[in-house]
Amino acid sequence: MVRTITIVYPEGDTREIEHDLRVNQLVDLNGNPLPLPLPAVRMIVYRVWKVSTQTTGRHEENVFYHLELVTRPELESAAARGE
């Protein structure tokens, strides 16, 4: 089975990635997971808020990770708590 993994930005743009993510995971612009605590709060960070799967035919599965932009107060809070 061919599996395609895609991140969906809040504006609707998409990008294929090569790894799975988890709901509530913080990622950078490229969909790479970020280690906590964050090195700085002055960065663009997204949170995975929804995962959807679509099967097309017998041999193809598309996984979509929907992202939301994390606000600065949320970043500061997450960095301080290490979440």
C-alpha atoms as a PDB file:
ATOM      1  CA  MET A   1       0.000   0.000   0.000  1.00  0.00           C
ATOM      2  CA  VAL A   2       1.268   3.456  -0.913  1.00  0.00           C
ATOM      3  CA  ARG A   3       0.955   5.890   1.985  1.00  0.00           C
ATOM      4  CA  THR A   4       1.134   9.645   1.484  1.00  0.00           C
ATOM      5  CA  ILE A   5       1.511  11.922   4.512  1.00  0.00           C
ATOM      6  CA  THR A   6       0.533  15.563   4.106  1.00  0.00           C
ATOM      7  CA  ILE A   7       0.408  18.561   6.440  1.00  0.00           C
ATOM      8  CA  VAL A   8      -2.393  21.062   5.872  1.00  0.00           C
ATOM      9  CA  TYR A   9      -1.628  24.644   6.908  1.00  0.00           C
ATOM     10  CA  PRO A  10      -4.377  26.915   8.317  1.00  0.00           C
ATOM     11  CA  GLU A  11      -4.602  28.766   4.972  1.00  0.00           C
ATOM     12  CA  GLY A  12      -5.268  25.493   3.125  1.00  0.00           C
ATOM     13  CA  ASP A  13      -1.807  25.056   1.583  1.00  0.00           C
ATOM     14  CA  THR A  14      -0.404  21.531   1.752  1.00  0.00           C
ATOM     15  CA  ARG A  15       3.017  19.896   1.891  1.00  0.00           C
ATOM     16  CA  GLU A  16       4.055  16.256   1.816  1.00  0.00           C
ATOM     17  CA  ILE A  17       6.234  15.022   4.664  1.00  0.00           C
ATOM     18  CA  GLU A  18       7.890  11.671   5.346  1.00  0.00           C
ATOM     19  CA  HIS A  19       7.000  11.064   9.006  1.00  0.00           C
ATOM     20  CA  ASP A  20       3.946  10.656  11.199  1.00  0.00           C
ATOM     21  CA  LEU A  21       2.876  13.252  13.758  1.00  0.00           C
ATOM     22  CA  ARG A  22       0.641  13.226  16.832  1.00  0.00           C
ATOM     23  CA  VAL A  23      -2.313  15.389  17.804  1.00  0.00           C
ATOM     24  CA  ASN A  24      -1.130  18.382  19.901  1.00  0.00           C
ATOM     25  CA  GLN A  25       2.464  17.949  18.703  1.00  0.00           C
ATOM     26  CA  LEU A  26       4.308  21.214  17.999  1.00  0.00           C
ATOM     27  CA  VAL A  27       6.011  21.439  14.608  1.00  0.00           C
ATOM     28  CA  ASP A  28       8.006  23.981  12.607  1.00  0.00           C
ATOM     29  CA  LEU A  29       7.163  25.409   9.168  1.00  0.00           C
ATOM     30  CA  ASN A  30       8.328  22.208   7.475  1.00  0.00           C
ATOM     31  CA  GLY A  31       6.320  19.871   9.685  1.00  0.00           C
ATOM     32  CA  ASN A  32       9.305  18.720  11.729  1.00  0.00           C
ATOM     33  CA  PRO A  33       8.574  18.033  15.413  1.00  0.00           C
ATOM     34  CA  LEU A  34      10.061  20.590  17.791  1.00  0.00           C
ATOM     35  CA  PRO A  35      11.929  19.553  20.940  1.00  0.00           C
ATOM     36  CA  LEU A  36      10.752  21.032  24.208  1.00  0.00           C
ATOM     37  CA  PRO A  37      11.509  23.316  25.817  1.00  0.00           C
ATOM     38  CA  LEU A  38      11.612  25.530  22.752  1.00  0.00           C
ATOM     39  CA  PRO A  39      14.935  27.276  22.105  1.00  0.00           C
ATOM     40  CA  ALA A  40      13.122  30.607  21.595  1.00  0.00           C
ATOM     41  CA  VAL A  41       9.576  31.931  21.568  1.00  0.00           C
ATOM     42  CA  ARG A  42      10.228  34.108  18.522  1.00  0.00           C
ATOM     43  CA  MET A  43       9.542  31.440  15.949  1.00  0.00           C
ATOM     44  CA  ILE A  44       6.631  30.262  13.823  1.00  0.00           C
ATOM     45  CA  VAL A  45       5.156  27.154  15.408  1.00  0.00           C
ATOM     46  CA  TYR A  46       2.141  25.072  14.453  1.00  0.00           C
ATOM     47  CA  ARG A  47       0.170  22.532  16.472  1.00  0.00           C
ATOM     48  CA  VAL A  48      -1.385  19.399  14.984  1.00  0.00           C
ATOM     49  CA  TRP A  49      -5.069  19.703  15.846  1.00  0.00           C
ATOM     50  CA  LYS A  50      -6.675  17.074  13.619  1.00  0.00           C
ATOM     51  CA  VAL A  51      -5.734  13.927  11.701  1.00  0.00           C
ATOM     52  CA  SER A  52      -7.802  12.616   8.816  1.00  0.00           C
ATOM     53  CA  THR A  53      -7.291   9.603   6.572  1.00  0.00           C
ATOM     54  CA  GLN A  54      -8.533   9.046   3.046  1.00  0.00           C
ATOM     55  CA  THR A  55      -8.301   5.745   1.197  1.00  0.00           C
ATOM     56  CA  THR A  56      -8.385   5.887  -2.583  1.00  0.00           C
ATOM     57  CA  GLY A  57      -8.656   2.543  -4.254  1.00  0.00           C
ATOM     58  CA  ARG A  58      -7.048  -0.522  -2.770  1.00  0.00           C
ATOM     59  CA  HIS A  59      -3.455   0.560  -2.727  1.00  0.00           C
ATOM     60  CA  GLU A  60      -3.336   4.196  -1.639  1.00  0.00           C
ATOM     61  CA  GLU A  61      -3.854   5.831   1.744  1.00  0.00           C
ATOM     62  CA  ASN A  62      -3.577   9.571   2.334  1.00  0.00           C
ATOM     63  CA  VAL A  63      -3.024  10.857   5.876  1.00  0.00           C
ATOM     64  CA  PHE A  64      -3.619  14.555   6.500  1.00  0.00           C
ATOM     65  CA  TYR A  65      -2.293  16.375   9.573  1.00  0.00           C
ATOM     66  CA  HIS A  66      -4.177  19.664   9.985  1.00  0.00           C
ATOM     67  CA  LEU A  67      -2.171  22.446  11.627  1.00  0.00           C
ATOM     68  CA  GLU A  68      -3.103  25.548  13.596  1.00  0.00           C
ATOM     69  CA  LEU A  69      -0.822  28.473  14.339  1.00  0.00           C
ATOM     70  CA  VAL A  70       0.335  28.660  17.956  1.00  0.00           C
ATOM     71  CA  THR A  71       0.041  32.145  19.476  1.00  0.00           C
ATOM     72  CA  ARG A  72       2.909  33.811  21.303  1.00  0.00           C
ATOM     73  CA  PRO A  73       1.299  33.529  24.771  1.00  0.00           C
ATOM     74  CA  GLU A  74       0.794  29.795  24.147  1.00  0.00           C
ATOM     75  CA  LEU A  75       4.435  29.476  23.036  1.00  0.00           C
ATOM     76  CA  GLU A  76       5.673  31.243  26.157  1.00  0.00           C
ATOM     77  CA  SER A  77       3.517  29.019  28.334  1.00  0.00           C
ATOM     78  CA  ALA A  78       4.635  25.814  26.588  1.00  0.00           C
ATOM     79  CA  ALA A  79       8.289  26.845  26.720  1.00  0.00           C
ATOM     80  CA  ALA A  80       8.071  27.600  30.432  1.00  0.00           C
ATOM     81  CA  ARG A  81       6.305  24.311  31.254  1.00  0.00           C
ATOM     82  CA  GLY A  82       8.217  22.203  28.745  1.00  0.00           C
ATOM     83  CA  GLU A  83       5.013  20.918  27.086  1.00  0.00           C
END
